[in-house]
Amino acid sequence: MQQERKEERSLGDLFADLSRQTTTLVRQEVALAKTEMSTKVASVGKNIGILVVGGALAYAGLFAIGAAIIIVLAMVGLPLWLASLIVGLIVAGIGYIFIQKGRNALKETDLVPRQTIQTLKEDREWTKEQTS
């Protein structure tokens, strides 16, 4: 009979355990949210890097490669202004493609910590079950 009493826990003990478990759960959820957001921020950083590279390539291409092609086109008989226009449009088009790629990747990046939200919903249900 005494063993049965030792196994029975007081209401205070049960609430203390629930409090400790809930605290641990909240800490784990915060850690999960931090990890999930770090991953998303890294992805955004990568996509911003793509935008920067696209812009730098368009800019550098406008001056370096563009100048060489303009000279070659002028040497084959095109007026200098037309050669410059053609090269400028091509280089700007390539830069535009890179910029669009980076923008689209950023638009597709989901910044909402969905895994954390889902586990919080599950935790809420668990807590309801524990207190019922």
C-alpha atoms as a PDB file:
ATOM      1  CA  MET A   1       0.000   0.000   0.000  1.00  0.00           C
ATOM      2  CA  GLN A   2       2.852   2.386   0.749  1.00  0.00           C
ATOM      3  CA  GLN A   3       4.425   1.680  -2.661  1.00  0.00           C
ATOM      4  CA  GLU A   4       1.197   2.811  -4.307  1.00  0.00           C
ATOM      5  CA  ARG A   5       1.363   6.084  -2.374  1.00  0.00           C
ATOM      6  CA  LYS A   6       4.998   6.637  -3.362  1.00  0.00           C
ATOM      7  CA  GLU A   7       4.074   6.161  -7.011  1.00  0.00           C
ATOM      8  CA  GLU A   8       1.187   8.581  -6.739  1.00  0.00           C
ATOM      9  CA  ARG A   9       2.378  12.106  -7.273  1.00  0.00           C
ATOM     10  CA  SER A  10       0.884  15.220  -5.829  1.00  0.00           C
ATOM     11  CA  LEU A  11      -0.854  17.789  -7.953  1.00  0.00           C
ATOM     12  CA  GLY A  12       1.971  20.208  -7.152  1.00  0.00           C
ATOM     13  CA  ASP A  13       4.553  17.710  -8.441  1.00  0.00           C
ATOM     14  CA  LEU A  14       2.555  17.198 -11.631  1.00  0.00           C
ATOM     15  CA  PHE A  15       2.277  20.931 -12.255  1.00  0.00           C
ATOM     16  CA  ALA A  16       5.983  21.386 -11.520  1.00  0.00           C
ATOM     17  CA  ASP A  17       6.811  18.689 -14.078  1.00  0.00           C
ATOM     18  CA  LEU A  18       4.454  20.276 -16.588  1.00  0.00           C
ATOM     19  CA  SER A  19       6.079  23.652 -15.993  1.00  0.00           C
ATOM     20  CA  ARG A  20       9.584  22.217 -16.492  1.00  0.00           C
ATOM     21  CA  GLN A  21       8.541  20.369 -19.630  1.00  0.00           C
ATOM     22  CA  THR A  22       6.822  23.447 -21.033  1.00  0.00           C
ATOM     23  CA  THR A  23       9.886  25.585 -20.321  1.00  0.00           C
ATOM     24  CA  THR A  24      12.123  23.035 -22.046  1.00  0.00           C
ATOM     25  CA  LEU A  25       9.725  22.898 -24.965  1.00  0.00           C
ATOM     26  CA  VAL A  26       9.691  26.683 -25.348  1.00  0.00           C
ATOM     27  CA  ARG A  27      13.501  26.794 -25.267  1.00  0.00           C
ATOM     28  CA  GLN A  28      13.667  24.109 -27.934  1.00  0.00           C
ATOM     29  CA  GLU A  29      11.169  25.993 -30.092  1.00  0.00           C
ATOM     30  CA  VAL A  30      13.212  29.190 -29.784  1.00  0.00           C
ATOM     31  CA  ALA A  31      16.334  27.280 -30.812  1.00  0.00           C
ATOM     32  CA  LEU A  32      14.458  25.782 -33.766  1.00  0.00           C
ATOM     33  CA  ALA A  33      13.210  29.214 -34.830  1.00  0.00           C
ATOM     34  CA  LYS A  34      16.753  30.609 -34.670  1.00  0.00           C
ATOM     35  CA  THR A  35      18.095  27.759 -36.768  1.00  0.00           C
ATOM     36  CA  GLU A  36      15.299  28.017 -39.311  1.00  0.00           C
ATOM     37  CA  MET A  37      15.674  31.787 -39.670  1.00  0.00           C
ATOM     38  CA  SER A  38      19.461  31.485 -39.991  1.00  0.00           C
ATOM     39  CA  THR A  39      18.971  29.115 -42.914  1.00  0.00           C
ATOM     40  CA  LYS A  40      16.517  31.485 -44.571  1.00  0.00           C
ATOM     41  CA  VAL A  41      18.775  34.504 -44.034  1.00  0.00           C
ATOM     42  CA  ALA A  42      21.677  32.605 -45.604  1.00  0.00           C
ATOM     43  CA  SER A  43      19.506  31.887 -48.634  1.00  0.00           C
ATOM     44  CA  VAL A  44      18.520  35.543 -48.936  1.00  0.00           C
ATOM     45  CA  GLY A  45      22.181  36.547 -48.652  1.00  0.00           C
ATOM     46  CA  LYS A  46      23.098  34.180 -51.464  1.00  0.00           C
ATOM     47  CA  ASN A  47      20.369  35.615 -53.697  1.00  0.00           C
ATOM     48  CA  ILE A  48      21.449  39.164 -52.952  1.00  0.00           C
ATOM     49  CA  GLY A  49      24.956  38.077 -53.941  1.00  0.00           C
ATOM     50  CA  ILE A  50      23.558  36.901 -57.277  1.00  0.00           C
ATOM     51  CA  LEU A  51      21.994  40.337 -57.774  1.00  0.00           C
ATOM     52  CA  VAL A  52      25.292  42.042 -57.005  1.00  0.00           C
ATOM     53  CA  VAL A  53      27.215  39.777 -59.370  1.00  0.00           C
ATOM     54  CA  GLY A  54      24.655  40.415 -62.107  1.00  0.00           C
ATOM     55  CA  GLY A  55      24.930  44.152 -61.657  1.00  0.00           C
ATOM     56  CA  ALA A  56      28.725  44.076 -61.523  1.00  0.00           C
ATOM     57  CA  LEU A  57      28.905  41.939 -64.653  1.00  0.00           C
ATOM     58  CA  ALA A  58      26.580  44.253 -66.524  1.00  0.00           C
ATOM     59  CA  TYR A  59      28.629  47.246 -65.453  1.00  0.00           C
ATOM     60  CA  ALA A  60      32.037  45.739 -66.168  1.00  0.00           C
ATOM     61  CA  GLY A  61      30.813  44.231 -69.410  1.00  0.00           C
ATOM     62  CA  LEU A  62      29.528  47.609 -70.531  1.00  0.00           C
ATOM     63  CA  PHE A  63      33.014  49.061 -70.337  1.00  0.00           C
ATOM     64  CA  ALA A  64      35.503  46.263 -70.956  1.00  0.00           C
ATOM     65  CA  ILE A  65      33.968  43.867 -73.437  1.00  0.00           C
ATOM     66  CA  GLY A  66      31.772  46.563 -74.916  1.00  0.00           C
ATOM     67  CA  ALA A  67      34.685  48.764 -75.826  1.00  0.00           C
ATOM     68  CA  ALA A  68      36.481  45.929 -77.607  1.00  0.00           C
ATOM     69  CA  ILE A  69      33.388  44.885 -79.578  1.00  0.00           C
ATOM     70  CA  ILE A  70      32.601  48.473 -80.521  1.00  0.00           C
ATOM     71  CA  ILE A  71      36.087  48.837 -81.939  1.00  0.00           C
ATOM     72  CA  VAL A  72      35.760  45.619 -83.953  1.00  0.00           C
ATOM     73  CA  LEU A  73      32.322  46.596 -85.311  1.00  0.00           C
ATOM     74  CA  ALA A  74      33.594  50.035 -86.273  1.00  0.00           C
ATOM     75  CA  MET A  75      36.518  48.429 -88.070  1.00  0.00           C
ATOM     76  CA  VAL A  76      34.170  46.324 -90.230  1.00  0.00           C
ATOM     77  CA  GLY A  77      32.262  49.365 -91.386  1.00  0.00           C
ATOM     78  CA  LEU A  78      29.491  50.112 -88.893  1.00  0.00           C
ATOM     79  CA  PRO A  79      29.216  53.680 -87.715  1.00  0.00           C
ATOM     80  CA  LEU A  80      30.700  54.088 -84.248  1.00  0.00           C
ATOM     81  CA  TRP A  81      27.360  55.167 -82.749  1.00  0.00           C
ATOM     82  CA  LEU A  82      25.562  52.081 -84.105  1.00  0.00           C
ATOM     83  CA  ALA A  83      28.284  49.736 -82.897  1.00  0.00           C
ATOM     84  CA  SER A  84      28.062  51.323 -79.438  1.00  0.00           C
ATOM     85  CA  LEU A  85      24.272  51.002 -79.381  1.00  0.00           C
ATOM     86  CA  ILE A  86      24.310  47.336 -80.380  1.00  0.00           C
ATOM     87  CA  VAL A  87      26.916  46.404 -77.796  1.00  0.00           C
ATOM     88  CA  GLY A  88      25.212  48.430 -75.086  1.00  0.00           C
ATOM     89  CA  LEU A  89      21.876  46.707 -75.664  1.00  0.00           C
ATOM     90  CA  ILE A  90      23.413  43.226 -75.603  1.00  0.00           C
ATOM     91  CA  VAL A  91      25.376  43.826 -72.403  1.00  0.00           C
ATOM     92  CA  ALA A  92      22.416  45.494 -70.703  1.00  0.00           C
ATOM     93  CA  GLY A  93      20.241  42.531 -71.718  1.00  0.00           C
ATOM     94  CA  ILE A  94      22.651  40.074 -70.120  1.00  0.00           C
ATOM     95  CA  GLY A  95      22.723  42.165 -66.949  1.00  0.00           C
ATOM     96  CA  TYR A  96      18.935  42.277 -66.946  1.00  0.00           C
ATOM     97  CA  ILE A  97      18.772  38.468 -67.115  1.00  0.00           C
ATOM     98  CA  PHE A  98      21.014  38.170 -64.041  1.00  0.00           C
ATOM     99  CA  ILE A  99      19.032  40.774 -62.150  1.00  0.00           C
ATOM    100  CA  GLN A 100      15.732  39.043 -62.945  1.00  0.00           C
ATOM    101  CA  LYS A 101      17.143  35.692 -61.857  1.00  0.00           C
ATOM    102  CA  GLY A 102      18.173  37.146 -58.489  1.00  0.00           C
ATOM    103  CA  ARG A 103      14.854  38.956 -58.017  1.00  0.00           C
ATOM    104  CA  ASN A 104      12.851  35.833 -58.810  1.00  0.00           C
ATOM    105  CA  ALA A 105      14.919  33.750 -56.402  1.00  0.00           C
ATOM    106  CA  LEU A 106      14.334  36.347 -53.661  1.00  0.00           C
ATOM    107  CA  LYS A 107      10.595  36.392 -54.343  1.00  0.00           C
ATOM    108  CA  GLU A 108      10.455  32.600 -54.012  1.00  0.00           C
ATOM    109  CA  THR A 109      12.299  32.601 -50.693  1.00  0.00           C
ATOM    110  CA  ASP A 110       9.829  31.876 -47.908  1.00  0.00           C
ATOM    111  CA  LEU A 111      10.897  33.763 -44.792  1.00  0.00           C
ATOM    112  CA  VAL A 112       8.131  32.389 -42.573  1.00  0.00           C
ATOM    113  CA  PRO A 113       9.498  29.815 -40.086  1.00  0.00           C
ATOM    114  CA  ARG A 114       6.906  27.209 -41.089  1.00  0.00           C
ATOM    115  CA  GLN A 115       8.477  24.316 -39.181  1.00  0.00           C
ATOM    116  CA  THR A 116       8.482  26.335 -35.974  1.00  0.00           C
ATOM    117  CA  ILE A 117       4.850  27.369 -36.471  1.00  0.00           C
ATOM    118  CA  GLN A 118       3.844  23.740 -37.027  1.00  0.00           C
ATOM    119  CA  THR A 119       5.665  22.511 -33.936  1.00  0.00           C
ATOM    120  CA  LEU A 120       4.151  25.345 -31.876  1.00  0.00           C
ATOM    121  CA  LYS A 121       0.701  24.161 -32.940  1.00  0.00           C
ATOM    122  CA  GLU A 122       1.627  20.627 -31.938  1.00  0.00           C
ATOM    123  CA  ASP A 123       2.996  21.890 -28.617  1.00  0.00           C
ATOM    124  CA  ARG A 124      -0.241  23.763 -27.953  1.00  0.00           C
ATOM    125  CA  GLU A 125      -2.218  20.564 -28.536  1.00  0.00           C
ATOM    126  CA  TRP A 126       0.168  18.611 -26.285  1.00  0.00           C
ATOM    127  CA  THR A 127      -0.195  21.199 -23.533  1.00  0.00           C
ATOM    128  CA  LYS A 128      -3.991  21.060 -23.823  1.00  0.00           C
ATOM    129  CA  GLU A 129      -3.865  17.272 -23.495  1.00  0.00           C
ATOM    130  CA  GLN A 130      -1.609  17.501 -20.451  1.00  0.00           C
ATOM    131  CA  THR A 131      -3.879  19.931 -18.650  1.00  0.00           C
ATOM    132  CA  SER A 132      -7.152  18.170 -19.517  1.00  0.00           C
END
